[in-house]
Amino acid sequence: MKPERKIIIKAVLIAVLLLVLVLLCVRYLVPLTRLLMTEEGRTLICERVRSFGVFAPLVFLLLMALQIVIAFIPGGPLELIGGMLFGSVLGLCITMAGAVLGSTCVYLLVRKFGKPLVDFFVNEEKMKRFKFLQDEDKLEFWVFVLFLIPGIPKDLLTYIVPLTRIRARDFLLLSNVARFPSIAASVLIGDSLTDGHYRLAICICAAAAILTFVGFRLRSKLLKK
């Protein structure tokens, strides 16, 4: 196949994919995002997922993966739902599995379609902020640190990092291990609220708030450097 034809086919595929994403956002994802931001909405989502019976864990896993692929959907409220639905241990396992699946899909999509796909989710200003990721000598270190620090837009990073030369194995391992503490905290809060352990939930929220504040301060310094 001629190079010009390959470019045309790739451009058409990207256009179709972006059109599908826009239609999904308008039809389903905007309402889903609104539901996630309210207590009543999260309760409704829990009921909908439970209605699938034995397939409820699979439905939630796919929902978690979709949240990472469609970077506009907030991840924190969905992680809370994981704890509310399945408890701390099983909820954490399913939520992490969804995160790994979503990260894998994004990595493969970015490697297939490149920067035109990333531009749909990440504007040029944010791309410039993470330009230092092109430093291959410290790439793995920065990927782990950025995914670990609270306040960093991790779903956007999931699209930016695959543009570098990082291998799929390293990206999935570093990003998801670094995601683990924040996901575990959110799932545990969701489980605590369901069981009525409000003091534990408040303590975890307070600790998360402090870490987020520290993370924002570190983020500013790191990005400036």
N, C-alpha and C. Protein backbone atom coordinates (compact mmCIF):
# COMPACT_ATOMS: atom_id res chain seq x y z
N MET A 1 0.84 -1.20 0.00
CA MET A 1 0.00 0.00 0.00
C MET A 1 0.88 1.25 0.00
N LYS A 2 0.53 2.22 -0.83
CA LYS A 2 1.29 3.44 -0.94
C LYS A 2 1.20 4.25 0.36
N PRO A 3 2.30 4.99 0.70
CA PRO A 3 2.30 5.78 1.93
C PRO A 3 1.17 6.80 1.98
N GLU A 4 0.87 7.42 0.80
CA GLU A 4 -0.21 8.43 0.77
C GLU A 4 -1.55 7.81 1.13
N ARG A 5 -1.80 6.58 0.64
CA ARG A 5 -3.05 5.91 0.93
C ARG A 5 -3.14 5.54 2.41
N LYS A 6 -2.01 5.13 2.99
CA LYS A 6 -1.98 4.81 4.40
C LYS A 6 -2.33 6.03 5.25
N ILE A 7 -1.79 7.18 4.86
CA ILE A 7 -2.06 8.42 5.60
C ILE A 7 -3.53 8.78 5.53
N ILE A 8 -4.11 8.63 4.34
CA ILE A 8 -5.54 8.94 4.15
C ILE A 8 -6.41 8.02 4.98
N ILE A 9 -6.10 6.72 4.94
CA ILE A 9 -6.87 5.74 5.72
C ILE A 9 -6.77 6.03 7.21
N LYS A 10 -5.56 6.36 7.66
CA LYS A 10 -5.36 6.67 9.07
C LYS A 10 -6.15 7.92 9.48
N ALA A 11 -6.13 8.93 8.61
CA ALA A 11 -6.86 10.18 8.90
C ALA A 11 -8.37 9.91 8.98
N VAL A 12 -8.88 9.07 8.08
CA VAL A 12 -10.31 8.73 8.08
C VAL A 12 -10.67 7.97 9.35
N LEU A 13 -9.82 7.03 9.74
CA LEU A 13 -10.08 6.25 10.95
C LEU A 13 -10.10 7.14 12.19
N ILE A 14 -9.15 8.09 12.26
CA ILE A 14 -9.11 9.02 13.38
C ILE A 14 -10.37 9.87 13.41
N ALA A 15 -10.79 10.36 12.24
CA ALA A 15 -12.00 11.19 12.16
C ALA A 15 -13.23 10.42 12.62
N VAL A 16 -13.34 9.16 12.19
CA VAL A 16 -14.48 8.32 12.59
C VAL A 16 -14.45 8.07 14.09
N LEU A 17 -13.26 7.77 14.62
CA LEU A 17 -13.12 7.51 16.06
C LEU A 17 -13.49 8.74 16.87
N LEU A 18 -13.03 9.91 16.46
CA LEU A 18 -13.34 11.14 17.18
C LEU A 18 -14.84 11.45 17.10
N LEU A 19 -15.45 11.18 15.95
CA LEU A 19 -16.89 11.40 15.81
C LEU A 19 -17.67 10.50 16.76
N VAL A 20 -17.25 9.23 16.85
CA VAL A 20 -17.90 8.30 17.77
C VAL A 20 -17.76 8.77 19.21
N LEU A 21 -16.57 9.27 19.57
CA LEU A 21 -16.33 9.77 20.92
C LEU A 21 -17.23 10.97 21.23
N VAL A 22 -17.37 11.87 20.26
CA VAL A 22 -18.24 13.04 20.45
C VAL A 22 -19.68 12.60 20.66
N LEU A 23 -20.16 11.68 19.83
CA LEU A 23 -21.54 11.20 19.95
C LEU A 23 -21.77 10.51 21.29
N LEU A 24 -20.77 9.72 21.74
CA LEU A 24 -20.88 9.05 23.04
C LEU A 24 -20.94 10.07 24.17
N CYS A 25 -20.11 11.11 24.06
CA CYS A 25 -20.09 12.15 25.09
C CYS A 25 -21.46 12.82 25.20
N VAL A 26 -22.03 13.17 24.05
CA VAL A 26 -23.31 13.87 24.04
C VAL A 26 -24.43 12.97 24.54
N ARG A 27 -24.43 11.72 24.11
CA ARG A 27 -25.55 10.83 24.39
C ARG A 27 -25.48 10.20 25.79
N TYR A 28 -24.27 9.78 26.20
CA TYR A 28 -24.19 9.00 27.44
C TYR A 28 -23.25 9.61 28.49
N LEU A 29 -22.10 10.10 28.08
CA LEU A 29 -21.05 10.42 29.03
C LEU A 29 -21.29 11.71 29.80
N VAL A 30 -21.90 12.70 29.16
CA VAL A 30 -22.24 13.92 29.89
C VAL A 30 -23.25 13.64 31.00
N PRO A 31 -24.35 12.91 30.71
CA PRO A 31 -25.27 12.54 31.81
C PRO A 31 -24.59 11.70 32.89
N LEU A 32 -23.70 10.79 32.48
CA LEU A 32 -23.00 9.95 33.46
C LEU A 32 -22.13 10.81 34.37
N THR A 33 -21.44 11.79 33.79
CA THR A 33 -20.59 12.67 34.58
C THR A 33 -21.41 13.46 35.60
N ARG A 34 -22.58 13.92 35.18
CA ARG A 34 -23.45 14.66 36.10
C ARG A 34 -23.92 13.77 37.25
N LEU A 35 -24.24 12.53 36.95
CA LEU A 35 -24.67 11.60 38.00
C LEU A 35 -23.56 11.34 39.01
N LEU A 36 -22.32 11.22 38.51
CA LEU A 36 -21.20 10.92 39.39
C LEU A 36 -20.93 12.04 40.39
N MET A 37 -21.33 13.25 40.08
CA MET A 37 -21.00 14.40 40.93
C MET A 37 -22.00 14.64 42.05
N THR A 38 -23.06 13.84 42.14
CA THR A 38 -24.04 14.00 43.22
C THR A 38 -24.21 12.67 43.95
N GLU A 39 -24.59 12.77 45.23
CA GLU A 39 -24.80 11.56 46.02
C GLU A 39 -25.96 10.74 45.47
N GLU A 40 -27.04 11.43 45.07
CA GLU A 40 -28.19 10.73 44.50
C GLU A 40 -27.81 10.03 43.19
N GLY A 41 -26.97 10.69 42.40
CA GLY A 41 -26.54 10.10 41.14
C GLY A 41 -25.69 8.86 41.34
N ARG A 42 -24.79 8.92 42.33
CA ARG A 42 -23.94 7.75 42.60
C ARG A 42 -24.78 6.58 43.11
N THR A 43 -25.79 6.90 43.92
CA THR A 43 -26.69 5.84 44.39
C THR A 43 -27.44 5.20 43.22
N LEU A 44 -27.87 6.02 42.28
CA LEU A 44 -28.57 5.51 41.09
C LEU A 44 -27.66 4.62 40.26
N ILE A 45 -26.39 5.03 40.10
CA ILE A 45 -25.43 4.22 39.34
C ILE A 45 -25.22 2.89 40.04
N CYS A 46 -25.12 2.90 41.37
CA CYS A 46 -24.97 1.66 42.13
C CYS A 46 -26.13 0.71 41.86
N GLU A 47 -27.33 1.25 41.88
CA GLU A 47 -28.52 0.42 41.63
C GLU A 47 -28.51 -0.15 40.22
N ARG A 48 -28.10 0.67 39.27
CA ARG A 48 -28.05 0.19 37.88
C ARG A 48 -27.03 -0.94 37.72
N VAL A 49 -25.87 -0.78 38.33
CA VAL A 49 -24.83 -1.81 38.22
C VAL A 49 -25.28 -3.08 38.93
N ARG A 50 -25.88 -2.96 40.12
CA ARG A 50 -26.37 -4.14 40.85
C ARG A 50 -27.42 -4.90 40.06
N SER A 51 -28.18 -4.19 39.23
CA SER A 51 -29.26 -4.83 38.48
C SER A 51 -28.73 -5.87 37.49
N PHE A 52 -27.43 -5.86 37.21
CA PHE A 52 -26.86 -6.85 36.30
C PHE A 52 -26.52 -8.17 37.00
N GLY A 53 -26.78 -8.23 38.30
CA GLY A 53 -26.60 -9.49 39.03
C GLY A 53 -25.16 -9.97 39.05
N VAL A 54 -24.96 -11.22 38.61
CA VAL A 54 -23.62 -11.81 38.64
C VAL A 54 -22.67 -11.11 37.69
N PHE A 55 -23.20 -10.36 36.73
CA PHE A 55 -22.34 -9.64 35.78
C PHE A 55 -22.00 -8.23 36.26
N ALA A 56 -22.47 -7.86 37.45
CA ALA A 56 -22.23 -6.52 37.98
C ALA A 56 -20.73 -6.19 38.08
N PRO A 57 -19.87 -7.11 38.59
CA PRO A 57 -18.44 -6.80 38.64
C PRO A 57 -17.85 -6.51 37.26
N LEU A 58 -18.27 -7.28 36.25
CA LEU A 58 -17.77 -7.07 34.89
C LEU A 58 -18.24 -5.72 34.35
N VAL A 59 -19.50 -5.38 34.61
CA VAL A 59 -20.03 -4.08 34.15
C VAL A 59 -19.26 -2.94 34.78
N PHE A 60 -18.99 -3.04 36.08
CA PHE A 60 -18.25 -1.96 36.75
C PHE A 60 -16.82 -1.89 36.24
N LEU A 61 -16.20 -3.05 36.02
CA LEU A 61 -14.83 -3.07 35.49
C LEU A 61 -14.76 -2.33 34.15
N LEU A 62 -15.73 -2.62 33.27
CA LEU A 62 -15.76 -1.95 31.97
C LEU A 62 -16.04 -0.46 32.11
N LEU A 63 -16.87 -0.11 33.09
CA LEU A 63 -17.17 1.30 33.34
C LEU A 63 -15.92 2.03 33.82
N MET A 64 -15.14 1.39 34.66
CA MET A 64 -13.89 1.98 35.14
C MET A 64 -12.89 2.15 34.00
N ALA A 65 -12.82 1.15 33.14
CA ALA A 65 -11.92 1.24 31.98
C ALA A 65 -12.35 2.37 31.05
N LEU A 66 -13.67 2.50 30.86
CA LEU A 66 -14.21 3.57 30.01
C LEU A 66 -13.86 4.94 30.58
N GLN A 67 -13.88 5.06 31.91
CA GLN A 67 -13.56 6.33 32.54
C GLN A 67 -12.14 6.79 32.21
N ILE A 68 -11.23 5.84 32.07
CA ILE A 68 -9.85 6.19 31.74
C ILE A 68 -9.71 6.49 30.25
N VAL A 69 -10.40 5.72 29.43
CA VAL A 69 -10.34 5.96 27.98
C VAL A 69 -10.95 7.30 27.63
N ILE A 70 -12.10 7.61 28.23
CA ILE A 70 -12.74 8.92 28.03
C ILE A 70 -12.31 9.80 29.20
N ALA A 71 -11.24 10.52 29.00
CA ALA A 71 -10.57 11.21 30.10
C ALA A 71 -11.42 12.29 30.75
N PHE A 72 -12.54 12.67 30.15
CA PHE A 72 -13.37 13.73 30.72
C PHE A 72 -14.19 13.24 31.92
N ILE A 73 -14.39 11.94 32.04
CA ILE A 73 -15.20 11.40 33.13
C ILE A 73 -14.37 11.41 34.41
N PRO A 74 -14.88 11.98 35.52
CA PRO A 74 -14.11 12.01 36.77
C PRO A 74 -13.93 10.61 37.34
N GLY A 75 -12.70 10.31 37.77
CA GLY A 75 -12.41 8.97 38.25
C GLY A 75 -12.71 8.76 39.73
N GLY A 76 -12.49 9.80 40.56
CA GLY A 76 -12.67 9.67 42.01
C GLY A 76 -14.04 9.17 42.41
N PRO A 77 -15.14 9.79 41.92
CA PRO A 77 -16.47 9.31 42.30
C PRO A 77 -16.74 7.87 41.89
N LEU A 78 -16.19 7.45 40.74
CA LEU A 78 -16.40 6.08 40.30
C LEU A 78 -15.65 5.10 41.20
N GLU A 79 -14.48 5.50 41.68
CA GLU A 79 -13.74 4.65 42.60
C GLU A 79 -14.48 4.50 43.92
N LEU A 80 -15.14 5.58 44.36
CA LEU A 80 -15.99 5.49 45.56
C LEU A 80 -17.08 4.45 45.37
N ILE A 81 -17.68 4.45 44.19
CA ILE A 81 -18.75 3.50 43.89
C ILE A 81 -18.23 2.07 43.94
N GLY A 82 -16.98 1.87 43.52
CA GLY A 82 -16.39 0.54 43.61
C GLY A 82 -16.39 0.02 45.03
N GLY A 83 -16.04 0.88 46.00
CA GLY A 83 -16.07 0.48 47.40
C GLY A 83 -17.48 0.29 47.92
N MET A 84 -18.40 1.14 47.47
CA MET A 84 -19.80 1.03 47.89
C MET A 84 -20.44 -0.26 47.41
N LEU A 85 -20.08 -0.68 46.21
CA LEU A 85 -20.70 -1.86 45.60
C LEU A 85 -20.11 -3.17 46.09
N PHE A 86 -18.78 -3.23 46.17
CA PHE A 86 -18.12 -4.52 46.35
C PHE A 86 -17.25 -4.62 47.60
N GLY A 87 -17.22 -3.57 48.42
CA GLY A 87 -16.37 -3.62 49.61
C GLY A 87 -14.94 -3.23 49.29
N SER A 88 -14.11 -3.22 50.33
CA SER A 88 -12.75 -2.71 50.16
C SER A 88 -11.85 -3.62 49.33
N VAL A 89 -11.87 -4.93 49.61
CA VAL A 89 -10.93 -5.84 48.93
C VAL A 89 -11.36 -6.11 47.49
N LEU A 90 -12.57 -6.64 47.33
CA LEU A 90 -13.05 -6.96 45.98
C LEU A 90 -13.20 -5.68 45.16
N GLY A 91 -13.69 -4.60 45.80
CA GLY A 91 -13.84 -3.34 45.08
C GLY A 91 -12.52 -2.81 44.57
N LEU A 92 -11.47 -2.94 45.39
CA LEU A 92 -10.14 -2.48 44.97
C LEU A 92 -9.62 -3.33 43.81
N CYS A 93 -9.82 -4.64 43.89
CA CYS A 93 -9.35 -5.53 42.81
C CYS A 93 -10.04 -5.21 41.49
N ILE A 94 -11.36 -5.03 41.53
CA ILE A 94 -12.10 -4.75 40.30
C ILE A 94 -11.75 -3.38 39.75
N THR A 95 -11.63 -2.40 40.64
CA THR A 95 -11.30 -1.03 40.21
C THR A 95 -9.91 -0.98 39.58
N MET A 96 -8.94 -1.65 40.21
CA MET A 96 -7.58 -1.68 39.65
C MET A 96 -7.56 -2.42 38.32
N ALA A 97 -8.32 -3.51 38.21
CA ALA A 97 -8.38 -4.25 36.95
C ALA A 97 -8.94 -3.35 35.85
N GLY A 98 -9.96 -2.56 36.18
CA GLY A 98 -10.51 -1.63 35.20
C GLY A 98 -9.50 -0.57 34.80
N ALA A 99 -8.72 -0.09 35.79
CA ALA A 99 -7.69 0.91 35.50
C ALA A 99 -6.62 0.36 34.56
N VAL A 100 -6.22 -0.89 34.81
CA VAL A 100 -5.21 -1.52 33.95
C VAL A 100 -5.76 -1.71 32.53
N LEU A 101 -7.01 -2.17 32.43
CA LEU A 101 -7.62 -2.37 31.12
C LEU A 101 -7.75 -1.04 30.38
N GLY A 102 -8.22 0.00 31.07
CA GLY A 102 -8.35 1.31 30.43
C GLY A 102 -7.01 1.87 29.98
N SER A 103 -5.99 1.74 30.82
CA SER A 103 -4.65 2.22 30.48
C SER A 103 -4.09 1.48 29.26
N THR A 104 -4.35 0.17 29.21
CA THR A 104 -3.90 -0.63 28.07
C THR A 104 -4.56 -0.16 26.77
N CYS A 105 -5.87 0.07 26.84
CA CYS A 105 -6.60 0.54 25.65
C CYS A 105 -6.07 1.89 25.17
N VAL A 106 -5.83 2.80 26.11
CA VAL A 106 -5.32 4.13 25.74
C VAL A 106 -3.93 4.01 25.11
N TYR A 107 -3.07 3.21 25.71
CA TYR A 107 -1.71 3.03 25.17
C TYR A 107 -1.77 2.53 23.73
N LEU A 108 -2.59 1.52 23.50
CA LEU A 108 -2.69 0.94 22.15
C LEU A 108 -3.30 1.94 21.15
N LEU A 109 -4.30 2.69 21.59
CA LEU A 109 -4.93 3.68 20.72
C LEU A 109 -3.95 4.79 20.34
N VAL A 110 -3.20 5.27 21.32
CA VAL A 110 -2.24 6.35 21.05
C VAL A 110 -1.12 5.86 20.15
N ARG A 111 -0.66 4.65 20.37
CA ARG A 111 0.40 4.10 19.50
C ARG A 111 -0.12 3.89 18.08
N LYS A 112 -1.41 3.63 17.95
CA LYS A 112 -2.00 3.40 16.62
C LYS A 112 -2.27 4.70 15.88
N PHE A 113 -2.88 5.69 16.59
CA PHE A 113 -3.35 6.91 15.93
C PHE A 113 -2.49 8.13 16.21
N GLY A 114 -1.63 8.06 17.23
CA GLY A 114 -0.68 9.14 17.46
C GLY A 114 -1.27 10.42 18.03
N LYS A 115 -0.57 11.53 17.78
CA LYS A 115 -0.90 12.82 18.38
C LYS A 115 -2.28 13.36 18.00
N PRO A 116 -2.80 13.14 16.78
CA PRO A 116 -4.14 13.66 16.48
C PRO A 116 -5.20 13.18 17.46
N LEU A 117 -5.09 11.95 17.94
CA LEU A 117 -6.03 11.44 18.94
C LEU A 117 -5.80 12.12 20.28
N VAL A 118 -4.54 12.29 20.67
CA VAL A 118 -4.21 12.92 21.95
C VAL A 118 -4.72 14.37 21.98
N ASP A 119 -4.63 15.05 20.85
CA ASP A 119 -5.07 16.45 20.78
C ASP A 119 -6.56 16.61 21.10
N PHE A 120 -7.33 15.54 20.92
CA PHE A 120 -8.76 15.60 21.24
C PHE A 120 -8.99 15.75 22.74
N PHE A 121 -8.07 15.20 23.54
CA PHE A 121 -8.22 15.21 24.99
C PHE A 121 -7.31 16.22 25.68
N VAL A 122 -6.15 16.52 25.08
CA VAL A 122 -5.14 17.35 25.74
C VAL A 122 -4.82 18.55 24.85
N ASN A 123 -4.99 19.76 25.40
CA ASN A 123 -4.67 20.94 24.61
C ASN A 123 -3.16 21.17 24.56
N GLU A 124 -2.74 22.06 23.68
CA GLU A 124 -1.32 22.26 23.42
C GLU A 124 -0.59 22.82 24.64
N GLU A 125 -1.28 23.65 25.42
CA GLU A 125 -0.65 24.23 26.61
C GLU A 125 -0.26 23.16 27.61
N LYS A 126 -1.16 22.20 27.84
CA LYS A 126 -0.85 21.12 28.77
C LYS A 126 0.22 20.20 28.21
N MET A 127 0.23 20.03 26.90
CA MET A 127 1.28 19.22 26.28
C MET A 127 2.65 19.82 26.54
N LYS A 128 2.74 21.15 26.47
CA LYS A 128 4.03 21.82 26.69
C LYS A 128 4.50 21.66 28.12
N ARG A 129 3.56 21.62 29.07
CA ARG A 129 3.94 21.48 30.48
C ARG A 129 4.67 20.17 30.74
N PHE A 130 4.32 19.15 29.97
CA PHE A 130 4.92 17.82 30.17
C PHE A 130 5.95 17.49 29.09
N LYS A 131 6.52 18.52 28.52
CA LYS A 131 7.51 18.31 27.46
C LYS A 131 8.76 17.61 27.98
N PHE A 132 9.02 17.77 29.29
CA PHE A 132 10.21 17.15 29.87
C PHE A 132 10.15 15.63 29.83
N LEU A 133 8.99 15.06 29.53
CA LEU A 133 8.89 13.60 29.43
C LEU A 133 9.65 13.05 28.23
N GLN A 134 10.07 13.95 27.34
CA GLN A 134 10.86 13.51 26.20
C GLN A 134 12.29 13.11 26.61
N ASP A 135 12.68 13.43 27.85
CA ASP A 135 13.99 13.04 28.37
C ASP A 135 13.95 11.55 28.70
N GLU A 136 14.49 10.74 27.81
CA GLU A 136 14.38 9.29 27.95
C GLU A 136 15.16 8.74 29.15
N ASP A 137 16.20 9.45 29.58
CA ASP A 137 17.01 8.96 30.69
C ASP A 137 16.23 8.93 31.99
N LYS A 138 15.28 9.86 32.16
CA LYS A 138 14.51 9.95 33.41
C LYS A 138 13.03 9.67 33.19
N LEU A 139 12.69 9.11 32.05
CA LEU A 139 11.29 8.94 31.68
C LEU A 139 10.53 8.08 32.68
N GLU A 140 11.07 6.90 33.01
CA GLU A 140 10.37 6.00 33.93
C GLU A 140 10.20 6.63 35.31
N PHE A 141 11.23 7.35 35.76
CA PHE A 141 11.14 8.02 37.06
C PHE A 141 10.01 9.04 37.08
N TRP A 142 9.93 9.88 36.04
CA TRP A 142 8.91 10.92 36.00
C TRP A 142 7.51 10.33 35.85
N VAL A 143 7.37 9.28 35.11
CA VAL A 143 6.06 8.64 34.95
C VAL A 143 5.55 8.17 36.31
N PHE A 144 6.41 7.51 37.07
CA PHE A 144 5.99 7.02 38.39
C PHE A 144 5.65 8.17 39.32
N VAL A 145 6.50 9.19 39.36
CA VAL A 145 6.29 10.32 40.27
C VAL A 145 5.00 11.06 39.93
N LEU A 146 4.78 11.32 38.64
CA LEU A 146 3.61 12.10 38.23
C LEU A 146 2.30 11.35 38.50
N PHE A 147 2.30 10.05 38.29
CA PHE A 147 1.09 9.28 38.57
C PHE A 147 0.88 9.09 40.08
N LEU A 148 1.93 9.25 40.85
CA LEU A 148 1.84 9.08 42.30
C LEU A 148 1.31 10.33 42.99
N ILE A 149 1.71 11.51 42.52
CA ILE A 149 1.39 12.76 43.20
C ILE A 149 -0.08 13.12 43.02
N PRO A 150 -0.81 13.38 44.10
CA PRO A 150 -2.20 13.84 43.98
C PRO A 150 -2.26 15.20 43.28
N GLY A 151 -3.31 15.43 42.54
CA GLY A 151 -3.49 16.71 41.87
C GLY A 151 -3.01 16.73 40.43
N ILE A 152 -2.20 15.76 40.05
CA ILE A 152 -1.75 15.67 38.66
C ILE A 152 -2.88 15.04 37.83
N PRO A 153 -3.22 15.59 36.66
CA PRO A 153 -4.29 15.02 35.83
C PRO A 153 -3.88 13.69 35.20
N LYS A 154 -4.11 12.61 35.94
CA LYS A 154 -3.59 11.30 35.53
C LYS A 154 -4.21 10.77 34.24
N ASP A 155 -5.49 11.04 34.03
CA ASP A 155 -6.11 10.54 32.80
C ASP A 155 -5.55 11.22 31.57
N LEU A 156 -5.19 12.50 31.69
CA LEU A 156 -4.54 13.19 30.58
C LEU A 156 -3.12 12.64 30.37
N LEU A 157 -2.43 12.37 31.48
CA LEU A 157 -1.09 11.78 31.38
C LEU A 157 -1.13 10.42 30.68
N THR A 158 -2.22 9.69 30.90
CA THR A 158 -2.36 8.38 30.27
C THR A 158 -2.32 8.50 28.75
N TYR A 159 -2.74 9.64 28.23
CA TYR A 159 -2.67 9.89 26.79
C TYR A 159 -1.32 10.47 26.37
N ILE A 160 -0.72 11.28 27.23
CA ILE A 160 0.52 11.96 26.87
C ILE A 160 1.71 11.00 26.86
N VAL A 161 1.82 10.18 27.91
CA VAL A 161 3.00 9.32 28.08
C VAL A 161 3.22 8.34 26.92
N PRO A 162 2.17 7.71 26.34
CA PRO A 162 2.42 6.78 25.23
C PRO A 162 3.00 7.44 23.98
N LEU A 163 3.01 8.78 23.92
CA LEU A 163 3.67 9.45 22.80
C LEU A 163 5.18 9.36 22.90
N THR A 164 5.69 9.01 24.10
CA THR A 164 7.13 8.86 24.28
C THR A 164 7.55 7.45 23.85
N ARG A 165 8.80 7.12 24.12
CA ARG A 165 9.33 5.82 23.73
C ARG A 165 9.15 4.75 24.81
N ILE A 166 8.37 5.03 25.82
CA ILE A 166 8.20 4.07 26.91
C ILE A 166 7.53 2.79 26.41
N ARG A 167 8.00 1.65 26.91
CA ARG A 167 7.41 0.37 26.52
C ARG A 167 6.09 0.15 27.25
N ALA A 168 5.22 -0.63 26.63
CA ALA A 168 3.89 -0.89 27.21
C ALA A 168 4.00 -1.49 28.60
N ARG A 169 4.90 -2.45 28.78
CA ARG A 169 5.05 -3.11 30.08
C ARG A 169 5.44 -2.11 31.16
N ASP A 170 6.41 -1.26 30.87
CA ASP A 170 6.87 -0.27 31.85
C ASP A 170 5.78 0.75 32.15
N PHE A 171 5.08 1.20 31.12
CA PHE A 171 4.03 2.19 31.31
C PHE A 171 2.91 1.65 32.20
N LEU A 172 2.44 0.45 31.90
CA LEU A 172 1.34 -0.13 32.66
C LEU A 172 1.74 -0.43 34.09
N LEU A 173 2.95 -0.92 34.29
CA LEU A 173 3.41 -1.24 35.64
C LEU A 173 3.58 0.02 36.47
N LEU A 174 4.32 1.00 35.95
CA LEU A 174 4.62 2.21 36.71
C LEU A 174 3.37 3.04 37.00
N SER A 175 2.55 3.23 35.98
CA SER A 175 1.38 4.11 36.15
C SER A 175 0.36 3.50 37.10
N ASN A 176 0.13 2.20 37.01
CA ASN A 176 -0.91 1.60 37.83
C ASN A 176 -0.44 1.32 39.26
N VAL A 177 0.83 1.03 39.44
CA VAL A 177 1.36 0.91 40.81
C VAL A 177 1.29 2.28 41.50
N ALA A 178 1.62 3.34 40.75
CA ALA A 178 1.55 4.68 41.32
C ALA A 178 0.12 5.12 41.58
N ARG A 179 -0.83 4.66 40.78
CA ARG A 179 -2.25 4.99 40.99
C ARG A 179 -2.82 4.29 42.24
N PHE A 180 -2.21 3.19 42.62
CA PHE A 180 -2.80 2.32 43.64
C PHE A 180 -3.18 3.03 44.94
N PRO A 181 -2.29 3.85 45.54
CA PRO A 181 -2.66 4.47 46.83
C PRO A 181 -3.92 5.33 46.76
N SER A 182 -4.04 6.16 45.73
CA SER A 182 -5.20 7.04 45.64
C SER A 182 -6.47 6.24 45.35
N ILE A 183 -6.36 5.23 44.50
CA ILE A 183 -7.54 4.39 44.23
C ILE A 183 -7.95 3.62 45.48
N ALA A 184 -6.96 3.09 46.21
CA ALA A 184 -7.25 2.35 47.43
C ALA A 184 -7.96 3.24 48.45
N ALA A 185 -7.51 4.49 48.57
CA ALA A 185 -8.14 5.42 49.52
C ALA A 185 -9.59 5.68 49.14
N SER A 186 -9.84 5.90 47.86
CA SER A 186 -11.21 6.19 47.40
C SER A 186 -12.13 5.00 47.61
N VAL A 187 -11.64 3.80 47.28
CA VAL A 187 -12.44 2.59 47.46
C VAL A 187 -12.74 2.36 48.94
N LEU A 188 -11.75 2.59 49.78
CA LEU A 188 -11.93 2.40 51.22
C LEU A 188 -12.94 3.40 51.78
N ILE A 189 -12.91 4.64 51.27
CA ILE A 189 -13.90 5.63 51.71
C ILE A 189 -15.31 5.18 51.32
N GLY A 190 -15.47 4.71 50.09
CA GLY A 190 -16.76 4.23 49.64
C GLY A 190 -17.28 3.08 50.48
N ASP A 191 -16.40 2.15 50.82
CA ASP A 191 -16.79 1.01 51.66
C ASP A 191 -17.16 1.48 53.07
N SER A 192 -16.39 2.43 53.61
CA SER A 192 -16.64 2.92 54.96
C SER A 192 -17.97 3.66 55.04
N LEU A 193 -18.29 4.43 54.04
CA LEU A 193 -19.56 5.15 54.03
C LEU A 193 -20.74 4.19 53.98
N THR A 194 -20.59 3.12 53.21
CA THR A 194 -21.67 2.14 53.10
C THR A 194 -21.89 1.41 54.41
N ASP A 195 -20.79 1.09 55.11
CA ASP A 195 -20.89 0.36 56.37
C ASP A 195 -21.21 1.26 57.56
N GLY A 196 -21.27 2.56 57.33
CA GLY A 196 -21.56 3.48 58.42
C GLY A 196 -20.36 3.86 59.25
N HIS A 197 -19.14 3.54 58.78
CA HIS A 197 -17.92 3.91 59.49
C HIS A 197 -17.50 5.33 59.07
N TYR A 198 -18.27 6.29 59.53
CA TYR A 198 -18.07 7.65 59.07
C TYR A 198 -16.78 8.27 59.60
N ARG A 199 -16.36 7.89 60.80
CA ARG A 199 -15.12 8.44 61.34
C ARG A 199 -13.92 8.02 60.49
N LEU A 200 -13.91 6.76 60.11
CA LEU A 200 -12.82 6.27 59.26
C LEU A 200 -12.82 7.01 57.93
N ALA A 201 -14.03 7.19 57.36
CA ALA A 201 -14.13 7.89 56.08
C ALA A 201 -13.63 9.32 56.21
N ILE A 202 -13.98 9.98 57.33
CA ILE A 202 -13.54 11.36 57.54
C ILE A 202 -12.02 11.43 57.69
N CYS A 203 -11.46 10.48 58.41
CA CYS A 203 -9.99 10.45 58.58
C CYS A 203 -9.28 10.26 57.25
N ILE A 204 -9.81 9.34 56.43
CA ILE A 204 -9.18 9.10 55.12
C ILE A 204 -9.31 10.34 54.24
N CYS A 205 -10.50 10.98 54.27
CA CYS A 205 -10.70 12.19 53.48
C CYS A 205 -9.74 13.30 53.92
N ALA A 206 -9.56 13.43 55.25
CA ALA A 206 -8.65 14.46 55.76
C ALA A 206 -7.22 14.20 55.30
N ALA A 207 -6.80 12.92 55.39
CA ALA A 207 -5.45 12.57 54.95
C ALA A 207 -5.29 12.81 53.45
N ALA A 208 -6.33 12.45 52.68
CA ALA A 208 -6.29 12.65 51.23
C ALA A 208 -6.23 14.14 50.89
N ALA A 209 -6.96 14.97 51.66
CA ALA A 209 -6.95 16.42 51.42
C ALA A 209 -5.56 17.00 51.66
N ILE A 210 -4.92 16.53 52.74
CA ILE A 210 -3.56 17.01 53.04
C ILE A 210 -2.59 16.60 51.94
N LEU A 211 -2.68 15.34 51.53
CA LEU A 211 -1.80 14.85 50.47
C LEU A 211 -2.06 15.59 49.15
N THR A 212 -3.32 15.89 48.88
CA THR A 212 -3.65 16.62 47.66
C THR A 212 -3.06 18.02 47.70
N PHE A 213 -3.15 18.68 48.86
CA PHE A 213 -2.57 20.02 49.01
C PHE A 213 -1.06 19.97 48.78
N VAL A 214 -0.41 19.00 49.41
CA VAL A 214 1.04 18.84 49.23
C VAL A 214 1.34 18.52 47.76
N GLY A 215 0.49 17.68 47.16
CA GLY A 215 0.69 17.32 45.76
C GLY A 215 0.60 18.50 44.83
N PHE A 216 -0.35 19.39 45.07
CA PHE A 216 -0.48 20.60 44.25
C PHE A 216 0.77 21.48 44.37
N ARG A 217 1.30 21.60 45.60
CA ARG A 217 2.50 22.40 45.79
C ARG A 217 3.69 21.77 45.07
N LEU A 218 3.81 20.45 45.19
CA LEU A 218 4.91 19.75 44.52
C LEU A 218 4.75 19.84 43.01
N ARG A 219 3.50 19.73 42.54
CA ARG A 219 3.24 19.77 41.11
C ARG A 219 3.74 21.08 40.52
N SER A 220 3.43 22.18 41.15
CA SER A 220 3.85 23.49 40.65
C SER A 220 5.38 23.59 40.57
N LYS A 221 6.04 23.13 41.62
CA LYS A 221 7.51 23.19 41.63
C LYS A 221 8.11 22.28 40.57
N LEU A 222 7.57 21.06 40.46
CA LEU A 222 8.10 20.11 39.50
C LEU A 222 7.94 20.59 38.07
N LEU A 223 6.74 21.11 37.75
CA LEU A 223 6.48 21.55 36.39
C LEU A 223 7.32 22.77 36.03
N LYS A 224 7.59 23.64 37.02
CA LYS A 224 8.46 24.79 36.76
C LYS A 224 9.87 24.34 36.45
N LYS A 225 10.36 23.32 37.21
CA LYS A 225 11.72 22.81 36.97
C LYS A 225 11.79 22.11 35.63
